[in-house]
């Protein structure tokens, strides 16, 4: 999406379908009453690593590679925050059941 915005291109239905397929986004029907959005396993295995490694097409070549390395500590901080959150959750769950 960011690449399309930088190029000045408009997002069409085909682009949104491709983004949904890449992220594994779909809707789970809850008894026909409402749809609950869910993320697929593809986002965790493919999308999230690309986001955290700043692997975007517009950051390649022409001196933008250095920008990826400058932004990498931000990704490390995000991963550290997620790990700290899950450690707290795991301690709470294990404390309740053990």
N, C-alpha and C. Protein backbone atom coordinates (compact mmCIF):
# COMPACT_ATOMS: atom_id res chain seq x y z
N UNK A 1 0.83 -1.18 0.00
CA UNK A 1 0.00 0.00 0.00
C UNK A 1 0.87 1.25 0.00
N UNK A 2 1.96 1.22 0.78
CA UNK A 2 2.83 2.38 0.85
C UNK A 2 3.47 2.65 -0.50
N UNK A 3 3.88 1.58 -1.18
CA UNK A 3 4.48 1.75 -2.51
C UNK A 3 3.49 2.38 -3.49
N UNK A 4 2.22 1.95 -3.43
CA UNK A 4 1.21 2.52 -4.31
C UNK A 4 0.98 3.99 -4.00
N UNK A 5 0.96 4.35 -2.72
CA UNK A 5 0.74 5.74 -2.36
C UNK A 5 1.90 6.63 -2.81
N UNK A 6 3.12 6.13 -2.67
CA UNK A 6 4.29 6.92 -3.10
C UNK A 6 4.27 7.12 -4.60
N UNK A 7 3.86 6.10 -5.35
CA UNK A 7 3.79 6.21 -6.80
C UNK A 7 2.62 7.07 -7.26
N UNK A 8 1.67 7.35 -6.37
CA UNK A 8 0.52 8.14 -6.74
C UNK A 8 -0.56 7.32 -7.42
N UNK A 9 -0.49 5.99 -7.28
CA UNK A 9 -1.48 5.12 -7.91
C UNK A 9 -2.67 4.95 -6.98
N UNK A 10 -3.80 4.69 -7.57
CA UNK A 10 -5.01 4.46 -6.80
C UNK A 10 -5.15 2.97 -6.52
N UNK A 11 -5.71 2.65 -5.37
CA UNK A 11 -5.94 1.25 -5.04
C UNK A 11 -7.25 0.80 -5.67
N UNK A 12 -7.16 -0.29 -6.39
CA UNK A 12 -8.35 -0.86 -7.02
C UNK A 12 -8.77 -2.10 -6.24
N UNK A 13 -9.86 -2.69 -6.64
CA UNK A 13 -10.37 -3.89 -5.98
C UNK A 13 -9.37 -5.03 -6.07
N UNK A 14 -8.67 -5.14 -7.19
CA UNK A 14 -7.68 -6.20 -7.35
C UNK A 14 -6.54 -6.04 -6.35
N UNK A 15 -6.13 -4.79 -6.11
CA UNK A 15 -5.05 -4.54 -5.15
C UNK A 15 -5.47 -4.90 -3.73
N UNK A 16 -6.69 -4.60 -3.37
CA UNK A 16 -7.18 -4.94 -2.04
C UNK A 16 -7.28 -6.45 -1.88
N UNK A 17 -7.72 -7.15 -2.93
CA UNK A 17 -7.78 -8.61 -2.87
C UNK A 17 -6.40 -9.22 -2.69
N UNK A 18 -5.40 -8.66 -3.38
CA UNK A 18 -4.03 -9.15 -3.25
C UNK A 18 -3.51 -8.91 -1.84
N UNK A 19 -3.79 -7.75 -1.28
CA UNK A 19 -3.35 -7.45 0.08
C UNK A 19 -4.03 -8.39 1.07
N UNK A 20 -5.31 -8.66 0.88
CA UNK A 20 -6.01 -9.60 1.76
C UNK A 20 -5.42 -11.01 1.67
N UNK A 21 -5.04 -11.42 0.46
CA UNK A 21 -4.44 -12.74 0.30
C UNK A 21 -3.06 -12.81 0.94
N UNK A 22 -2.26 -11.75 0.79
CA UNK A 22 -0.92 -11.74 1.37
C UNK A 22 -0.95 -11.75 2.89
N UNK A 23 -1.87 -11.03 3.47
CA UNK A 23 -1.95 -10.96 4.92
C UNK A 23 -2.77 -12.11 5.51
N UNK A 24 -3.49 -12.83 4.68
CA UNK A 24 -4.32 -13.91 5.18
C UNK A 24 -5.59 -13.40 5.84
N UNK A 25 -5.97 -12.17 5.55
CA UNK A 25 -7.14 -11.56 6.17
C UNK A 25 -8.41 -12.16 5.59
N UNK A 26 -9.30 -12.57 6.47
CA UNK A 26 -10.60 -13.07 6.04
C UNK A 26 -11.60 -12.80 7.15
N UNK A 27 -12.85 -13.06 6.86
CA UNK A 27 -13.89 -12.83 7.86
C UNK A 27 -14.46 -14.16 8.30
N UNK A 28 -14.59 -14.31 9.59
CA UNK A 28 -15.15 -15.52 10.18
C UNK A 28 -16.59 -15.22 10.57
N UNK A 29 -17.53 -15.98 10.02
CA UNK A 29 -18.94 -15.77 10.32
C UNK A 29 -19.27 -16.35 11.69
N UNK A 30 -19.88 -15.54 12.53
CA UNK A 30 -20.25 -15.97 13.88
C UNK A 30 -21.75 -16.25 13.93
N UNK A 31 -22.13 -17.44 13.53
CA UNK A 31 -23.52 -17.85 13.59
C UNK A 31 -24.45 -17.07 12.68
N UNK A 32 -23.94 -16.46 11.65
CA UNK A 32 -24.75 -15.69 10.73
C UNK A 32 -25.17 -14.33 11.25
N UNK A 33 -24.73 -14.00 12.45
CA UNK A 33 -25.12 -12.72 13.06
C UNK A 33 -24.14 -11.62 12.69
N UNK A 34 -22.85 -11.92 12.81
CA UNK A 34 -21.84 -10.90 12.51
C UNK A 34 -20.58 -11.57 11.98
N UNK A 35 -19.77 -10.79 11.30
CA UNK A 35 -18.51 -11.28 10.76
C UNK A 35 -17.38 -10.75 11.63
N UNK A 36 -16.48 -11.64 12.02
CA UNK A 36 -15.34 -11.28 12.84
C UNK A 36 -14.08 -11.39 11.98
N UNK A 37 -13.31 -10.31 11.84
CA UNK A 37 -12.09 -10.41 11.03
C UNK A 37 -11.04 -11.25 11.75
N UNK A 38 -10.30 -12.03 10.98
CA UNK A 38 -9.21 -12.82 11.55
C UNK A 38 -8.01 -12.77 10.61
N UNK A 39 -6.84 -12.90 11.20
CA UNK A 39 -5.61 -12.95 10.42
C UNK A 39 -5.18 -14.40 10.28
N UNK A 40 -4.68 -14.73 9.11
CA UNK A 40 -4.23 -16.08 8.86
C UNK A 40 -2.79 -16.29 9.29
N UNK A 41 -2.35 -17.52 9.20
CA UNK A 41 -1.01 -17.89 9.58
C UNK A 41 0.00 -17.25 8.63
N UNK A 42 -0.39 -16.95 7.38
CA UNK A 42 0.51 -16.34 6.41
C UNK A 42 1.02 -14.99 6.85
N UNK A 43 0.21 -14.24 7.57
CA UNK A 43 0.66 -12.94 8.06
C UNK A 43 1.77 -13.11 9.08
N UNK A 44 1.63 -14.09 9.96
CA UNK A 44 2.64 -14.31 10.99
C UNK A 44 3.95 -14.83 10.41
N UNK A 45 3.87 -15.66 9.37
CA UNK A 45 5.09 -16.26 8.82
C UNK A 45 5.71 -15.44 7.70
N UNK A 46 4.93 -14.65 6.99
CA UNK A 46 5.47 -13.90 5.86
C UNK A 46 5.36 -12.39 6.05
N UNK A 47 4.20 -11.92 6.41
CA UNK A 47 3.98 -10.48 6.49
C UNK A 47 4.70 -9.79 7.63
N UNK A 48 4.60 -10.35 8.82
CA UNK A 48 5.22 -9.73 9.99
C UNK A 48 6.74 -9.67 9.89
N UNK A 49 7.44 -10.73 9.45
CA UNK A 49 8.89 -10.59 9.27
C UNK A 49 9.29 -9.53 8.25
N UNK A 50 8.51 -9.41 7.17
CA UNK A 50 8.82 -8.38 6.18
C UNK A 50 8.63 -6.98 6.77
N UNK A 51 7.63 -6.81 7.61
CA UNK A 51 7.40 -5.52 8.25
C UNK A 51 8.53 -5.20 9.21
N UNK A 52 8.91 -6.17 10.04
CA UNK A 52 9.94 -5.93 11.04
C UNK A 52 11.33 -5.73 10.44
N UNK A 53 11.58 -6.31 9.26
CA UNK A 53 12.87 -6.15 8.60
C UNK A 53 12.87 -4.99 7.61
N UNK A 54 11.80 -4.23 7.56
CA UNK A 54 11.67 -3.08 6.67
C UNK A 54 11.95 -3.48 5.22
N UNK A 55 11.38 -4.59 4.79
CA UNK A 55 11.61 -5.13 3.46
C UNK A 55 10.55 -4.59 2.49
N UNK A 56 10.65 -3.30 2.20
CA UNK A 56 9.72 -2.64 1.28
C UNK A 56 10.43 -2.33 -0.03
N UNK A 57 9.71 -2.38 -1.11
CA UNK A 57 10.31 -2.16 -2.42
C UNK A 57 10.90 -0.76 -2.55
N UNK A 58 10.29 0.23 -1.94
CA UNK A 58 10.77 1.60 -2.11
C UNK A 58 12.00 1.90 -1.24
N UNK A 59 12.41 0.98 -0.37
CA UNK A 59 13.61 1.17 0.43
C UNK A 59 14.82 0.43 -0.13
N UNK A 60 14.75 -0.01 -1.36
CA UNK A 60 15.86 -0.73 -1.98
C UNK A 60 16.51 0.14 -3.04
N UNK A 61 17.83 0.15 -3.04
CA UNK A 61 18.59 0.86 -4.05
C UNK A 61 18.61 2.37 -3.84
N UNK A 62 19.45 3.03 -4.58
CA UNK A 62 19.55 4.50 -4.62
C UNK A 62 19.81 5.11 -3.25
N UNK A 63 20.57 4.42 -2.40
CA UNK A 63 20.95 4.97 -1.11
C UNK A 63 19.93 4.83 -0.01
N UNK A 64 18.79 4.21 -0.29
CA UNK A 64 17.77 4.05 0.75
C UNK A 64 18.05 2.85 1.65
N UNK A 65 19.03 2.03 1.27
CA UNK A 65 19.37 0.87 2.08
C UNK A 65 19.85 1.29 3.47
N UNK A 66 20.52 2.42 3.56
CA UNK A 66 20.99 2.92 4.85
C UNK A 66 19.81 3.28 5.75
N UNK A 67 18.70 3.71 5.17
CA UNK A 67 17.51 4.04 5.95
C UNK A 67 16.95 2.79 6.63
N UNK A 68 17.04 1.64 5.94
CA UNK A 68 16.60 0.39 6.56
C UNK A 68 17.41 0.09 7.81
N UNK A 69 18.70 0.32 7.75
CA UNK A 69 19.56 0.03 8.90
C UNK A 69 19.36 1.04 10.02
N UNK A 70 18.98 2.24 9.67
CA UNK A 70 18.70 3.25 10.70
C UNK A 70 17.38 2.91 11.42
N UNK A 71 16.41 2.37 10.69
CA UNK A 71 15.10 2.04 11.26
C UNK A 71 15.07 0.69 11.98
N UNK A 72 16.12 -0.12 11.81
CA UNK A 72 16.14 -1.45 12.42
C UNK A 72 16.05 -1.42 13.95
N UNK A 73 16.69 -0.48 14.66
CA UNK A 73 16.51 -0.46 16.12
C UNK A 73 15.06 -0.26 16.55
N UNK A 74 14.27 0.42 15.75
CA UNK A 74 12.85 0.56 16.05
C UNK A 74 12.16 -0.80 16.03
N UNK A 75 12.51 -1.63 15.07
CA UNK A 75 11.95 -2.98 15.00
C UNK A 75 12.38 -3.82 16.19
N UNK A 76 13.64 -3.68 16.58
CA UNK A 76 14.13 -4.43 17.73
C UNK A 76 13.35 -4.03 18.98
N UNK A 77 13.07 -2.75 19.12
CA UNK A 77 12.30 -2.28 20.28
C UNK A 77 10.88 -2.82 20.25
N UNK A 78 10.26 -2.91 19.09
CA UNK A 78 8.91 -3.44 18.97
C UNK A 78 8.89 -4.92 19.36
N UNK A 79 9.85 -5.68 18.85
CA UNK A 79 9.93 -7.10 19.18
C UNK A 79 10.15 -7.28 20.68
N UNK A 80 11.03 -6.48 21.27
CA UNK A 80 11.28 -6.57 22.71
C UNK A 80 10.00 -6.27 23.50
N UNK A 81 9.24 -5.29 23.09
CA UNK A 81 7.98 -4.98 23.76
C UNK A 81 6.97 -6.11 23.66
N UNK A 82 6.89 -6.74 22.49
CA UNK A 82 5.98 -7.87 22.30
C UNK A 82 6.39 -9.04 23.19
N UNK A 83 7.70 -9.31 23.25
CA UNK A 83 8.20 -10.41 24.09
C UNK A 83 7.87 -10.13 25.55
N UNK A 84 8.08 -8.91 26.01
CA UNK A 84 7.79 -8.56 27.39
C UNK A 84 6.29 -8.72 27.70
N UNK A 85 5.46 -8.37 26.76
CA UNK A 85 4.02 -8.51 26.95
C UNK A 85 3.63 -9.98 27.08
N UNK A 86 4.16 -10.82 26.18
CA UNK A 86 3.81 -12.24 26.22
C UNK A 86 4.39 -12.93 27.44
N UNK A 87 5.53 -12.48 27.96
CA UNK A 87 6.07 -13.05 29.19
C UNK A 87 5.11 -12.79 30.34
N UNK A 88 4.59 -11.57 30.43
CA UNK A 88 3.62 -11.25 31.48
C UNK A 88 2.35 -12.06 31.35
N UNK A 89 1.87 -12.23 30.14
CA UNK A 89 0.66 -13.02 29.92
C UNK A 89 0.90 -14.48 30.29
N UNK A 90 2.05 -15.03 29.87
CA UNK A 90 2.36 -16.42 30.18
C UNK A 90 2.50 -16.63 31.68
N UNK A 91 3.13 -15.69 32.39
CA UNK A 91 3.25 -15.82 33.84
C UNK A 91 1.88 -15.79 34.52
N UNK A 92 1.01 -14.93 34.04
CA UNK A 92 -0.34 -14.86 34.61
C UNK A 92 -1.13 -16.13 34.39
N UNK A 93 -1.04 -16.69 33.17
CA UNK A 93 -1.76 -17.93 32.87
C UNK A 93 -1.18 -19.12 33.62
N UNK A 94 0.15 -19.20 33.64
CA UNK A 94 0.77 -20.33 34.34
C UNK A 94 0.54 -20.24 35.84
N UNK A 95 0.53 -19.03 36.39
CA UNK A 95 0.26 -18.85 37.81
C UNK A 95 -1.15 -19.25 38.18
N UNK A 96 -2.06 -19.10 37.26
CA UNK A 96 -3.45 -19.44 37.53
C UNK A 96 -3.68 -20.95 37.47
N UNK A 97 -2.98 -21.64 36.57
CA UNK A 97 -3.21 -23.06 36.36
C UNK A 97 -2.24 -23.96 37.11
N UNK A 98 -1.10 -23.45 37.51
CA UNK A 98 -0.12 -24.31 38.21
C UNK A 98 -0.04 -24.00 39.67
